[in-house]
Structure formats: C-alpha cells, structure tokens
C-alpha cells in the first residue's frame, strides 16, 4: 500500500511539474512575440509569392507581346504553347522558393533537408524512368513544334483541341467536353489537323431526268462567287464532275480548299447554297424510288411452258 501511495505521489508531482512548465511557457511573453513574428513572416512570404507570380506572368506576357513585333516571329500556336509552359515553370520555381523560406522561418534546417532530398531524389530517379521519359518527350514535342496549344489533333482514340502542353502531360479537350490527359511518354503517334489547309468534300445528287450539263453549269457559276461570300475559302471551290451513278441519282462531287479546320463549316454552307440554286433553276434533287412490275398468271406461265418444250426437244 505504501508503494502504491509513493508511486501516485511521484506521478502527481511529475504531472504538476509538467503543468507548471507548460503554464510558464504560455505566459512567456517572448514565446508569443516569436510566434507572432513567425506568423507575420509566413503571411508576408505568401503575399510576396502572390505578387511575384503576378509580376512574373505579366513580365512574360509583355515579353511575348514585344516579341510579336520583331521581324523574326513565332507562329501564334508556338507562342501560346511557350507562354503556357513558361508560366508553369515560373509557378514551380516560385512555389519551391516560398516553401523553403517558410520551412526556414519555422526553424527547420533546409540545408540538411535539401541534401537529404538530393540523395532521396537520386534513389527515386532510378525508379522514375517513366517520369524522365515523359519530361524528355514533352521537351521534344515543344522543341520540334509537333503540335501547340489550340491545335486540333488526334492522339490514339482521342480527338480534340490541345488545352495545355506541360513537361509531363498533355491535355486534349474533345468537342463534346471530355478532357483527355496523356503522359507525354505515351504519345507515340499524333495527327495534327491545324498545320495545313483542309479540304471540304461535297457530293450533290441530281435526278437522271435532269440535264447534267445544265446542272453542272449552274453549280459552276455558283462556286465562282463563293470566295467573296466566305473568307475561310482559300481558292474557289472546284467542280470535279460526275462521281458515281447511283440507283436513282447522279452524284456530282465538289471540293474546296479552306483554312485549317474550317472544312466542316464550308461543306455545310456549300450544300445549302447548292440546294437553293438548284431549286431556283428547277433542277430536281432525287428521292429514293421503287419500280414495281405486275404480271398476270398467263404471262408468268408462258415462259415456263416454252422452256419445258425446249428441254424435251
């Protein structure tokens, strides 16, 4: 019993000693001054980080704005890509410096941390081959200008506009709104639709009863006037002639060279204008037809009997 009382007294004394030390720290003015100074420094660092990012991004945009007036110019696609990439690199650098400064402010030895991170990073690097491959591939995508922000591309089964090109990933947004994210190292084949001019292909059906030469002349007279109507046309559309002879129609093909990625719009407009001009001249665009033959039993039996006699002979 005496042993238990002695242990309880020792525990009580130790608890009171720790409570007194904690209370002394709470009422220590110097601790609160140091804590307040640290908090002010952290807030100041975050504020400086925000300002540095704003100023850095503004400076980068101004450099590209001035660069656009120089005699030797980049394409708009390439400028948008480099602008986005430099802004991302700036953010990474500023955030890293800010984090290191905050850690130093709260009393963490960043020299030892950086040295340890270097050793750990070396060890991780051997196992991060995919990450290194993504970064190297991203660098060559940008350096070789394979595609840029705003281009319409197809990568694998995904097709859409390039939203962002980073050192590690590429983001593509399809026309239905899905965002596809590809590691750069997995991009092995790219189809870029935005570099060269596009071709619009329009097939027009004419009824067999109509005068094909007259229809072609009417369409040709229309096509000559279209470049003044649509700025996306590079040259006047070309009437190639009769493409196929269908079951109930003659198909005439029209091709038109347009600026990149405007061939779908131009094809729709050409179809509309051709329909209106054919209606104006009374030229019929056919609809599917079915021809039915009605024969009597006597007429059906006659060929059979004749064939039977020929077989018997």
C-alpha atoms as a PDB file:
ATOM      1  CA  UNK A   1       0.000   0.000   0.000  1.00  0.00           C
ATOM      2  CA  UNK A   2       2.823   2.359   0.842  1.00  0.00           C
ATOM      3  CA  UNK A   3       4.446   1.537  -2.524  1.00  0.00           C
ATOM      4  CA  UNK A   4       1.251   2.450  -4.374  1.00  0.00           C
ATOM      5  CA  UNK A   5       0.941   5.723  -2.499  1.00  0.00           C
ATOM      6  CA  UNK A   6       4.554   6.531  -3.246  1.00  0.00           C
ATOM      7  CA  UNK A   7       4.046   5.878  -7.000  1.00  0.00           C
ATOM      8  CA  UNK A   8       0.911   8.017  -7.036  1.00  0.00           C
ATOM      9  CA  UNK A   9       2.728  10.847  -5.302  1.00  0.00           C
ATOM     10  CA  UNK A  10       5.622  10.657  -7.772  1.00  0.00           C
ATOM     11  CA  UNK A  11       3.186  10.683 -10.733  1.00  0.00           C
ATOM     12  CA  UNK A  12       1.300  13.605  -9.244  1.00  0.00           C
ATOM     13  CA  UNK A  13       4.498  15.544  -8.681  1.00  0.00           C
ATOM     14  CA  UNK A  14       5.681  14.874 -12.240  1.00  0.00           C
ATOM     15  CA  UNK A  15       2.313  15.944 -13.674  1.00  0.00           C
ATOM     16  CA  UNK A  16       2.356  19.131 -11.643  1.00  0.00           C
ATOM     17  CA  UNK A  17       5.905  19.838 -12.791  1.00  0.00           C
ATOM     18  CA  UNK A  18       4.945  19.415 -16.466  1.00  0.00           C
ATOM     19  CA  UNK A  19       1.834  21.555 -15.973  1.00  0.00           C
ATOM     20  CA  UNK A  20       3.904  24.292 -14.372  1.00  0.00           C
ATOM     21  CA  UNK A  21       6.379  24.229 -17.258  1.00  0.00           C
ATOM     22  CA  UNK A  22       3.551  24.428 -19.774  1.00  0.00           C
ATOM     23  CA  UNK A  23       1.952  27.276 -17.890  1.00  0.00           C
ATOM     24  CA  UNK A  24       5.292  29.108 -17.741  1.00  0.00           C
ATOM     25  CA  UNK A  25       5.610  28.769 -21.498  1.00  0.00           C
ATOM     26  CA  UNK A  26       2.087  30.048 -22.050  1.00  0.00           C
ATOM     27  CA  UNK A  27       2.766  33.149 -20.018  1.00  0.00           C
ATOM     28  CA  UNK A  28       6.193  33.650 -21.550  1.00  0.00           C
ATOM     29  CA  UNK A  29       5.980  36.920 -23.498  1.00  0.00           C
ATOM     30  CA  UNK A  30       8.999  36.085 -25.632  1.00  0.00           C
ATOM     31  CA  UNK A  31       7.339  32.921 -26.940  1.00  0.00           C
ATOM     32  CA  UNK A  32       4.264  34.842 -28.063  1.00  0.00           C
ATOM     33  CA  UNK A  33       6.448  37.513 -29.625  1.00  0.00           C
ATOM     34  CA  UNK A  34       8.409  34.869 -31.562  1.00  0.00           C
ATOM     35  CA  UNK A  35       5.175  33.108 -32.598  1.00  0.00           C
ATOM     36  CA  UNK A  36       3.632  36.384 -33.785  1.00  0.00           C
ATOM     37  CA  UNK A  37       6.758  37.337 -35.714  1.00  0.00           C
ATOM     38  CA  UNK A  38       6.802  33.898 -37.355  1.00  0.00           C
ATOM     39  CA  UNK A  39       3.155  34.193 -38.378  1.00  0.00           C
ATOM     40  CA  UNK A  40       3.752  37.687 -39.783  1.00  0.00           C
ATOM     41  CA  UNK A  41       6.750  36.388 -41.737  1.00  0.00           C
ATOM     42  CA  UNK A  42       4.733  33.490 -43.190  1.00  0.00           C
ATOM     43  CA  UNK A  43       1.916  35.830 -44.225  1.00  0.00           C
ATOM     44  CA  UNK A  44       4.493  38.187 -45.763  1.00  0.00           C
ATOM     45  CA  UNK A  45       6.102  35.288 -47.653  1.00  0.00           C
ATOM     46  CA  UNK A  46       2.717  34.192 -49.048  1.00  0.00           C
ATOM     47  CA  UNK A  47       1.943  37.774 -50.058  1.00  0.00           C
ATOM     48  CA  UNK A  48       5.321  38.137 -51.770  1.00  0.00           C
ATOM     49  CA  UNK A  49       4.744  34.807 -53.525  1.00  0.00           C
ATOM     50  CA  UNK A  50       1.408  36.039 -54.904  1.00  0.00           C
ATOM     51  CA  UNK A  51       2.928  39.326 -56.051  1.00  0.00           C
ATOM     52  CA  UNK A  52       5.939  37.566 -57.600  1.00  0.00           C
ATOM     53  CA  UNK A  53       3.652  35.273 -59.592  1.00  0.00           C
ATOM     54  CA  UNK A  54       1.534  38.175 -60.829  1.00  0.00           C
ATOM     55  CA  UNK A  55       4.568  40.257 -61.790  1.00  0.00           C
ATOM     56  CA  UNK A  56       6.327  37.281 -63.383  1.00  0.00           C
ATOM     57  CA  UNK A  57       3.349  36.311 -65.515  1.00  0.00           C
ATOM     58  CA  UNK A  58       2.821  39.932 -66.549  1.00  0.00           C
ATOM     59  CA  UNK A  59       6.501  40.217 -67.492  1.00  0.00           C
ATOM     60  CA  UNK A  60       6.339  37.020 -69.567  1.00  0.00           C
ATOM     61  CA  UNK A  61       3.237  38.235 -71.427  1.00  0.00           C
ATOM     62  CA  UNK A  62       4.867  41.624 -72.077  1.00  0.00           C
ATOM     63  CA  UNK A  63       7.977  39.914 -73.446  1.00  0.00           C
ATOM     64  CA  UNK A  64       5.865  37.889 -75.861  1.00  0.00           C
ATOM     65  CA  UNK A  65       3.871  40.991 -76.793  1.00  0.00           C
ATOM     66  CA  UNK A  66       7.068  42.855 -77.657  1.00  0.00           C
ATOM     67  CA  UNK A  67       8.475  39.739 -79.323  1.00  0.00           C
ATOM     68  CA  UNK A  68       5.464  39.573 -81.651  1.00  0.00           C
ATOM     69  CA  UNK A  69       6.501  42.923 -83.181  1.00  0.00           C
ATOM     70  CA  UNK A  70      10.018  41.739 -84.019  1.00  0.00           C
ATOM     71  CA  UNK A  71      10.944  40.953 -87.647  1.00  0.00           C
ATOM     72  CA  UNK A  72      11.531  37.270 -86.849  1.00  0.00           C
ATOM     73  CA  UNK A  73       8.253  35.987 -85.457  1.00  0.00           C
ATOM     74  CA  UNK A  74       6.994  32.723 -83.996  1.00  0.00           C
ATOM     75  CA  UNK A  75       3.664  31.317 -85.077  1.00  0.00           C
ATOM     76  CA  UNK A  76       0.728  32.160 -82.833  1.00  0.00           C
ATOM     77  CA  UNK A  77       0.385  28.479 -81.950  1.00  0.00           C
ATOM     78  CA  UNK A  78       4.013  28.246 -80.796  1.00  0.00           C
ATOM     79  CA  UNK A  79       3.804  31.479 -78.806  1.00  0.00           C
ATOM     80  CA  UNK A  80       0.725  30.246 -76.926  1.00  0.00           C
ATOM     81  CA  UNK A  81       2.492  26.972 -76.104  1.00  0.00           C
ATOM     82  CA  UNK A  82       5.709  28.612 -74.882  1.00  0.00           C
ATOM     83  CA  UNK A  83       3.746  31.193 -72.890  1.00  0.00           C
ATOM     84  CA  UNK A  84       1.828  28.484 -71.030  1.00  0.00           C
ATOM     85  CA  UNK A  85       4.975  26.461 -70.422  1.00  0.00           C
ATOM     86  CA  UNK A  86       6.969  29.417 -69.036  1.00  0.00           C
ATOM     87  CA  UNK A  87       4.104  30.349 -66.711  1.00  0.00           C
ATOM     88  CA  UNK A  88       4.060  26.783 -65.360  1.00  0.00           C
ATOM     89  CA  UNK A  89       7.840  26.770 -64.832  1.00  0.00           C
ATOM     90  CA  UNK A  90       7.622  30.157 -63.070  1.00  0.00           C
ATOM     91  CA  UNK A  91       4.931  28.817 -60.730  1.00  0.00           C
ATOM     92  CA  UNK A  92       7.006  25.740 -59.852  1.00  0.00           C
ATOM     93  CA  UNK A  93      10.111  27.817 -59.059  1.00  0.00           C
ATOM     94  CA  UNK A  94       8.276  30.458 -57.006  1.00  0.00           C
ATOM     95  CA  UNK A  95       6.325  27.871 -55.012  1.00  0.00           C
ATOM     96  CA  UNK A  96       9.514  25.907 -54.259  1.00  0.00           C
ATOM     97  CA  UNK A  97      11.369  29.000 -53.029  1.00  0.00           C
ATOM     98  CA  UNK A  98       8.350  30.033 -50.952  1.00  0.00           C
ATOM     99  CA  UNK A  99       8.095  26.587 -49.349  1.00  0.00           C
ATOM    100  CA  UNK A 100      11.804  26.524 -48.475  1.00  0.00           C
ATOM    101  CA  UNK A 101      11.574  30.022 -46.967  1.00  0.00           C
ATOM    102  CA  UNK A 102       8.570  29.087 -44.823  1.00  0.00           C
ATOM    103  CA  UNK A 103      10.338  25.961 -43.540  1.00  0.00           C
ATOM    104  CA  UNK A 104      13.386  28.033 -42.661  1.00  0.00           C
ATOM    105  CA  UNK A 105      11.165  30.536 -40.841  1.00  0.00           C
ATOM    106  CA  UNK A 106       9.632  27.888 -38.579  1.00  0.00           C
ATOM    107  CA  UNK A 107      13.083  26.591 -37.624  1.00  0.00           C
ATOM    108  CA  UNK A 108      13.621  23.646 -39.965  1.00  0.00           C
ATOM    109  CA  UNK A 109      17.174  23.220 -41.300  1.00  0.00           C
ATOM    110  CA  UNK A 110      16.623  23.452 -45.062  1.00  0.00           C
ATOM    111  CA  UNK A 111      20.292  22.730 -45.844  1.00  0.00           C
ATOM    112  CA  UNK A 112      20.013  19.284 -44.388  1.00  0.00           C
ATOM    113  CA  UNK A 113      16.595  18.887 -45.984  1.00  0.00           C
ATOM    114  CA  UNK A 114      17.922  19.797 -49.436  1.00  0.00           C
ATOM    115  CA  UNK A 115      20.928  17.488 -49.019  1.00  0.00           C
ATOM    116  CA  UNK A 116      18.676  14.647 -47.927  1.00  0.00           C
ATOM    117  CA  UNK A 117      16.252  15.378 -50.764  1.00  0.00           C
ATOM    118  CA  UNK A 118      19.134  15.162 -53.226  1.00  0.00           C
ATOM    119  CA  UNK A 119      20.102  11.699 -52.005  1.00  0.00           C
ATOM    120  CA  UNK A 120      16.489  10.533 -51.923  1.00  0.00           C
ATOM    121  CA  UNK A 121      15.888  12.063 -55.355  1.00  0.00           C
ATOM    122  CA  UNK A 122      18.851  10.159 -56.767  1.00  0.00           C
ATOM    123  CA  UNK A 123      17.472   6.927 -55.386  1.00  0.00           C
ATOM    124  CA  UNK A 124      13.972   7.681 -56.696  1.00  0.00           C
ATOM    125  CA  UNK A 125      15.367   8.679 -60.092  1.00  0.00           C
ATOM    126  CA  UNK A 126      16.379   5.114 -60.849  1.00  0.00           C
ATOM    127  CA  UNK A 127      12.796   4.013 -60.387  1.00  0.00           C
ATOM    128  CA  UNK A 128      11.200   7.051 -62.065  1.00  0.00           C
ATOM    129  CA  UNK A 129      12.132   6.183 -65.627  1.00  0.00           C
ATOM    130  CA  UNK A 130       8.603   6.882 -66.882  1.00  0.00           C
ATOM    131  CA  UNK A 131       8.693  10.367 -65.351  1.00  0.00           C
ATOM    132  CA  UNK A 132      12.040  11.111 -67.028  1.00  0.00           C
ATOM    133  CA  UNK A 133      10.716   9.771 -70.337  1.00  0.00           C
ATOM    134  CA  UNK A 134       7.605  11.985 -70.055  1.00  0.00           C
ATOM    135  CA  UNK A 135       9.729  15.093 -69.442  1.00  0.00           C
ATOM    136  CA  UNK A 136      12.156  14.364 -72.298  1.00  0.00           C
ATOM    137  CA  UNK A 137       9.298  13.614 -74.704  1.00  0.00           C
ATOM    138  CA  UNK A 138       7.497  16.809 -73.659  1.00  0.00           C
ATOM    139  CA  UNK A 139      10.648  18.808 -74.326  1.00  0.00           C
ATOM    140  CA  UNK A 140      10.966  17.420 -77.864  1.00  0.00           C
ATOM    141  CA  UNK A 141       7.253  17.953 -78.568  1.00  0.00           C
ATOM    142  CA  UNK A 142       7.710  21.651 -77.801  1.00  0.00           C
ATOM    143  CA  UNK A 143      11.171  21.960 -79.398  1.00  0.00           C
ATOM    144  CA  UNK A 144      10.106  20.281 -82.668  1.00  0.00           C
ATOM    145  CA  UNK A 145       6.714  22.067 -82.682  1.00  0.00           C
ATOM    146  CA  UNK A 146       4.865  18.804 -83.278  1.00  0.00           C
ATOM    147  CA  UNK A 147       1.672  20.434 -82.024  1.00  0.00           C
ATOM    148  CA  UNK A 148       0.815  23.517 -79.987  1.00  0.00           C
ATOM    149  CA  UNK A 149      -1.888  24.864 -77.694  1.00  0.00           C
ATOM    150  CA  UNK A 150      -5.056  25.423 -79.715  1.00  0.00           C
ATOM    151  CA  UNK A 151      -4.256  22.835 -82.406  1.00  0.00           C
ATOM    152  CA  UNK A 152      -6.830  20.200 -83.327  1.00  0.00           C
ATOM    153  CA  UNK A 153      -5.133  16.819 -83.043  1.00  0.00           C
ATOM    154  CA  UNK A 154      -5.834  13.128 -82.719  1.00  0.00           C
ATOM    155  CA  UNK A 155      -3.789  11.071 -80.250  1.00  0.00           C
ATOM    156  CA  UNK A 156      -4.796   7.433 -80.089  1.00  0.00           C
ATOM    157  CA  UNK A 157      -8.586   7.313 -79.863  1.00  0.00           C
ATOM    158  CA  UNK A 158      -8.881  10.876 -78.509  1.00  0.00           C
ATOM    159  CA  UNK A 159      -9.514  13.820 -80.810  1.00  0.00           C
ATOM    160  CA  UNK A 160      -9.898  17.482 -79.914  1.00  0.00           C
ATOM    161  CA  UNK A 161      -8.212  20.811 -79.199  1.00  0.00           C
ATOM    162  CA  UNK A 162      -4.943  20.947 -77.254  1.00  0.00           C
ATOM    163  CA  UNK A 163      -5.664  22.742 -73.975  1.00  0.00           C
ATOM    164  CA  UNK A 164      -2.217  22.542 -72.381  1.00  0.00           C
ATOM    165  CA  UNK A 165       1.238  21.111 -73.037  1.00  0.00           C
ATOM    166  CA  UNK A 166       3.354  20.536 -69.950  1.00  0.00           C
ATOM    167  CA  UNK A 167       6.717  18.921 -69.425  1.00  0.00           C
ATOM    168  CA  UNK A 168       4.983  15.768 -68.199  1.00  0.00           C
ATOM    169  CA  UNK A 169       1.429  15.675 -69.568  1.00  0.00           C
ATOM    170  CA  UNK A 170      -0.645  16.931 -72.496  1.00  0.00           C
ATOM    171  CA  UNK A 171      -4.347  17.812 -72.149  1.00  0.00           C
ATOM    172  CA  UNK A 172      -6.803  17.491 -75.034  1.00  0.00           C
ATOM    173  CA  UNK A 173     -10.421  18.630 -74.863  1.00  0.00           C
ATOM    174  CA  UNK A 174     -12.858  16.962 -77.257  1.00  0.00           C
ATOM    175  CA  UNK A 175     -15.734  18.854 -78.854  1.00  0.00           C
ATOM    176  CA  UNK A 176     -18.193  17.086 -76.522  1.00  0.00           C
ATOM    177  CA  UNK A 177     -16.379  18.442 -73.439  1.00  0.00           C
ATOM    178  CA  UNK A 178     -14.272  15.483 -72.260  1.00  0.00           C
ATOM    179  CA  UNK A 179     -10.730  16.330 -71.128  1.00  0.00           C
ATOM    180  CA  UNK A 180      -8.147  13.694 -72.066  1.00  0.00           C
ATOM    181  CA  UNK A 181      -4.808  13.741 -70.213  1.00  0.00           C
ATOM    182  CA  UNK A 182      -1.869  11.897 -71.787  1.00  0.00           C
ATOM    183  CA  UNK A 183       1.573  11.331 -70.257  1.00  0.00           C
ATOM    184  CA  UNK A 184       3.971  12.667 -72.875  1.00  0.00           C
ATOM    185  CA  UNK A 185       5.939   9.433 -72.871  1.00  0.00           C
ATOM    186  CA  UNK A 186       2.844   7.551 -74.103  1.00  0.00           C
ATOM    187  CA  UNK A 187       2.371   9.810 -77.137  1.00  0.00           C
ATOM    188  CA  UNK A 188       3.826   7.765 -79.988  1.00  0.00           C
ATOM    189  CA  UNK A 189       1.696   8.977 -82.911  1.00  0.00           C
ATOM    190  CA  UNK A 190      -0.052  12.314 -83.448  1.00  0.00           C
ATOM    191  CA  UNK A 191      -2.269  13.526 -86.281  1.00  0.00           C
ATOM    192  CA  UNK A 192      -2.306  17.341 -86.427  1.00  0.00           C
ATOM    193  CA  UNK A 193      -5.157  18.868 -88.424  1.00  0.00           C
ATOM    194  CA  UNK A 194      -4.253  22.521 -87.783  1.00  0.00           C
ATOM    195  CA  UNK A 195      -0.972  22.957 -89.664  1.00  0.00           C
ATOM    196  CA  UNK A 196      -2.047  22.733 -93.323  1.00  0.00           C
ATOM    197  CA  UNK A 197      -5.202  23.784 -95.152  1.00  0.00           C
ATOM    198  CA  UNK A 198      -8.225  21.471 -95.047  1.00  0.00           C
ATOM    199  CA  UNK A 199     -10.344  20.115 -97.899  1.00  0.00           C
ATOM    200  CA  UNK A 200     -14.144  20.170 -97.870  1.00  0.00           C
ATOM    201  CA  UNK A 201     -15.790  17.434 -99.957  1.00  0.00           C
ATOM    202  CA  UNK A 202     -19.441  17.849-101.007  1.00  0.00           C
ATOM    203  CA  UNK A 203     -21.466  15.315-103.020  1.00  0.00           C
ATOM    204  CA  UNK A 204     -24.612  16.593-104.772  1.00  0.00           C
ATOM    205  CA  UNK A 205     -27.244  14.218-106.183  1.00  0.00           C
ATOM    206  CA  UNK A 206     -29.059  15.053-109.439  1.00  0.00           C
ATOM    207  CA  UNK A 207     -32.034  13.148-110.857  1.00  0.00           C
ATOM    208  CA  UNK A 208     -31.476  11.078-114.029  1.00  0.00           C
ATOM    209  CA  UNK A 209     -34.251  13.017-115.754  1.00  0.00           C
ATOM    210  CA  UNK A 210     -32.366  16.321-115.416  1.00  0.00           C
ATOM    211  CA  UNK A 211     -29.822  17.757-117.829  1.00  0.00           C
ATOM    212  CA  UNK A 212     -26.485  17.017-116.152  1.00  0.00           C
ATOM    213  CA  UNK A 213     -24.553  19.551-118.211  1.00  0.00           C
ATOM    214  CA  UNK A 214     -27.018  22.299-117.282  1.00  0.00           C
ATOM    215  CA  UNK A 215     -26.804  21.335-113.597  1.00  0.00           C
ATOM    216  CA  UNK A 216     -23.003  21.424-113.711  1.00  0.00           C
ATOM    217  CA  UNK A 217     -23.038  24.875-115.327  1.00  0.00           C
ATOM    218  CA  UNK A 218     -25.428  26.236-112.684  1.00  0.00           C
ATOM    219  CA  UNK A 219     -23.262  24.857-109.875  1.00  0.00           C
ATOM    220  CA  UNK A 220     -20.060  26.147-111.506  1.00  0.00           C
ATOM    221  CA  UNK A 221     -21.493  29.676-111.768  1.00  0.00           C
ATOM    222  CA  UNK A 222     -22.345  29.500-108.046  1.00  0.00           C
ATOM    223  CA  UNK A 223     -18.920  28.234-106.965  1.00  0.00           C
ATOM    224  CA  UNK A 224     -17.095  31.158-108.587  1.00  0.00           C
ATOM    225  CA  UNK A 225     -18.941  33.618-106.333  1.00  0.00           C
ATOM    226  CA  UNK A 226     -18.350  31.789-103.032  1.00  0.00           C
ATOM    227  CA  UNK A 227     -14.843  33.153-102.137  1.00  0.00           C
ATOM    228  CA  UNK A 228     -16.355  36.649-101.824  1.00  0.00           C
ATOM    229  CA  UNK A 229     -19.010  35.234 -99.504  1.00  0.00           C
ATOM    230  CA  UNK A 230     -16.857  33.049 -97.240  1.00  0.00           C
ATOM    231  CA  UNK A 231     -13.450  34.235 -96.020  1.00  0.00           C
ATOM    232  CA  UNK A 232     -12.461  30.722 -94.937  1.00  0.00           C
ATOM    233  CA  UNK A 233     -12.132  29.631 -98.576  1.00  0.00           C
ATOM    234  CA  UNK A 234      -8.552  29.699 -99.844  1.00  0.00           C
ATOM    235  CA  UNK A 235      -9.497  29.218-103.517  1.00  0.00           C
ATOM    236  CA  UNK A 236     -12.798  28.962-105.429  1.00  0.00           C
ATOM    237  CA  UNK A 237     -14.354  25.506-104.959  1.00  0.00           C
ATOM    238  CA  UNK A 238     -13.730  23.080-107.802  1.00  0.00           C
ATOM    239  CA  UNK A 239     -16.390  21.019-109.539  1.00  0.00           C
ATOM    240  CA  UNK A 240     -14.808  17.634-110.274  1.00  0.00           C
ATOM    241  CA  UNK A 241     -17.764  16.227-112.215  1.00  0.00           C
ATOM    242  CA  UNK A 242     -19.789  13.027-112.010  1.00  0.00           C
ATOM    243  CA  UNK A 243     -18.558  10.897-109.128  1.00  0.00           C
ATOM    244  CA  UNK A 244     -20.952   7.922-109.188  1.00  0.00           C
ATOM    245  CA  UNK A 245     -24.107   6.702-110.935  1.00  0.00           C
ATOM    246  CA  UNK A 246     -26.482   5.633-108.194  1.00  0.00           C
ATOM    247  CA  UNK A 247     -29.716   3.654-108.274  1.00  0.00           C
ATOM    248  CA  UNK A 248     -31.833   6.786-108.665  1.00  0.00           C
ATOM    249  CA  UNK A 249     -29.358   9.668-108.918  1.00  0.00           C
ATOM    250  CA  UNK A 250     -26.211  11.027-110.492  1.00  0.00           C
ATOM    251  CA  UNK A 251     -23.693  12.171-107.860  1.00  0.00           C
ATOM    252  CA  UNK A 252     -21.597  15.255-108.645  1.00  0.00           C
ATOM    253  CA  UNK A 253     -18.566  15.973-106.421  1.00  0.00           C
ATOM    254  CA  UNK A 254     -17.336  19.407-105.292  1.00  0.00           C
ATOM    255  CA  UNK A 255     -14.070  20.018-103.403  1.00  0.00           C
ATOM    256  CA  UNK A 256     -12.984  23.240-101.701  1.00  0.00           C
ATOM    257  CA  UNK A 257      -9.702  24.209-100.022  1.00  0.00           C
ATOM    258  CA  UNK A 258     -10.227  26.026 -96.721  1.00  0.00           C
ATOM    259  CA  UNK A 259      -8.124  27.386 -93.894  1.00  0.00           C
ATOM    260  CA  UNK A 260      -7.292  24.700 -91.287  1.00  0.00           C
ATOM    261  CA  UNK A 261     -10.272  23.109 -89.541  1.00  0.00           C
ATOM    262  CA  UNK A 262     -12.960  25.126 -91.370  1.00  0.00           C
ATOM    263  CA  UNK A 263     -13.835  22.449 -93.933  1.00  0.00           C
ATOM    264  CA  UNK A 264     -16.871  21.190 -91.978  1.00  0.00           C
ATOM    265  CA  UNK A 265     -18.425  24.659 -91.854  1.00  0.00           C
ATOM    266  CA  UNK A 266     -17.702  25.364 -95.527  1.00  0.00           C
ATOM    267  CA  UNK A 267     -19.122  21.972 -96.572  1.00  0.00           C
ATOM    268  CA  UNK A 268     -22.397  22.757 -94.797  1.00  0.00           C
ATOM    269  CA  UNK A 269     -22.612  26.188 -96.414  1.00  0.00           C
ATOM    270  CA  UNK A 270     -21.891  24.817 -99.898  1.00  0.00           C
ATOM    271  CA  UNK A 271     -24.638  22.199 -99.515  1.00  0.00           C
ATOM    272  CA  UNK A 272     -27.103  24.904 -98.505  1.00  0.00           C
ATOM    273  CA  UNK A 273     -26.166  27.243-101.375  1.00  0.00           C
ATOM    274  CA  UNK A 274     -26.237  24.440-103.965  1.00  0.00           C
ATOM    275  CA  UNK A 275     -29.677  23.341-102.776  1.00  0.00           C
ATOM    276  CA  UNK A 276     -31.019  26.881-103.047  1.00  0.00           C
ATOM    277  CA  UNK A 277     -29.568  27.486-106.531  1.00  0.00           C
ATOM    278  CA  UNK A 278     -30.849  24.140-107.856  1.00  0.00           C
ATOM    279  CA  UNK A 279     -34.335  24.872-106.520  1.00  0.00           C
ATOM    280  CA  UNK A 280     -34.175  28.295-108.144  1.00  0.00           C
ATOM    281  CA  UNK A 281     -33.446  26.753-111.559  1.00  0.00           C
ATOM    282  CA  UNK A 282     -35.950  23.940-111.140  1.00  0.00           C
ATOM    283  CA  UNK A 283     -33.336  21.180-111.076  1.00  0.00           C
ATOM    284  CA  UNK A 284     -34.560  18.238-109.028  1.00  0.00           C
ATOM    285  CA  UNK A 285     -32.559  16.568-106.273  1.00  0.00           C
ATOM    286  CA  UNK A 286     -33.968  12.996-106.384  1.00  0.00           C
ATOM    287  CA  UNK A 287     -35.514  10.889-103.675  1.00  0.00           C
ATOM    288  CA  UNK A 288     -35.412   7.055-103.463  1.00  0.00           C
ATOM    289  CA  UNK A 289     -37.776   5.355-105.885  1.00  0.00           C
ATOM    290  CA  UNK A 290     -39.217   1.839-106.210  1.00  0.00           C
ATOM    291  CA  UNK A 291     -40.412   0.364-109.523  1.00  0.00           C
ATOM    292  CA  UNK A 292     -42.992  -2.451-109.343  1.00  0.00           C
ATOM    293  CA  UNK A 293     -43.906  -4.828-112.203  1.00  0.00           C
ATOM    294  CA  UNK A 294     -47.300  -6.543-112.241  1.00  0.00           C
ATOM    295  CA  UNK A 295     -47.676  -9.676-114.411  1.00  0.00           C
ATOM    296  CA  UNK A 296     -50.724 -11.958-114.920  1.00  0.00           C
ATOM    297  CA  UNK A 297     -50.650 -15.712-114.285  1.00  0.00           C
ATOM    298  CA  UNK A 298     -50.934 -16.396-118.011  1.00  0.00           C
ATOM    299  CA  UNK A 299     -47.887 -14.280-118.814  1.00  0.00           C
ATOM    300  CA  UNK A 300     -45.938 -15.899-115.965  1.00  0.00           C
ATOM    301  CA  UNK A 301     -46.793 -19.440-117.142  1.00  0.00           C
ATOM    302  CA  UNK A 302     -45.864 -18.882-120.797  1.00  0.00           C
ATOM    303  CA  UNK A 303     -42.100 -18.680-120.404  1.00  0.00           C
ATOM    304  CA  UNK A 304     -42.163 -21.816-118.215  1.00  0.00           C
ATOM    305  CA  UNK A 305     -44.005 -23.901-120.860  1.00  0.00           C
ATOM    306  CA  UNK A 306     -41.680 -22.681-123.579  1.00  0.00           C
ATOM    307  CA  UNK A 307     -38.666 -23.663-121.519  1.00  0.00           C
ATOM    308  CA  UNK A 308     -40.211 -27.107-120.862  1.00  0.00           C
ATOM    309  CA  UNK A 309     -40.687 -27.763-124.590  1.00  0.00           C
ATOM    310  CA  UNK A 310     -37.143 -26.665-125.323  1.00  0.00           C
ATOM    311  CA  UNK A 311     -35.867 -29.069-122.654  1.00  0.00           C
ATOM    312  CA  UNK A 312     -37.878 -32.015-124.070  1.00  0.00           C
ATOM    313  CA  UNK A 313     -36.500 -31.428-127.561  1.00  0.00           C
END
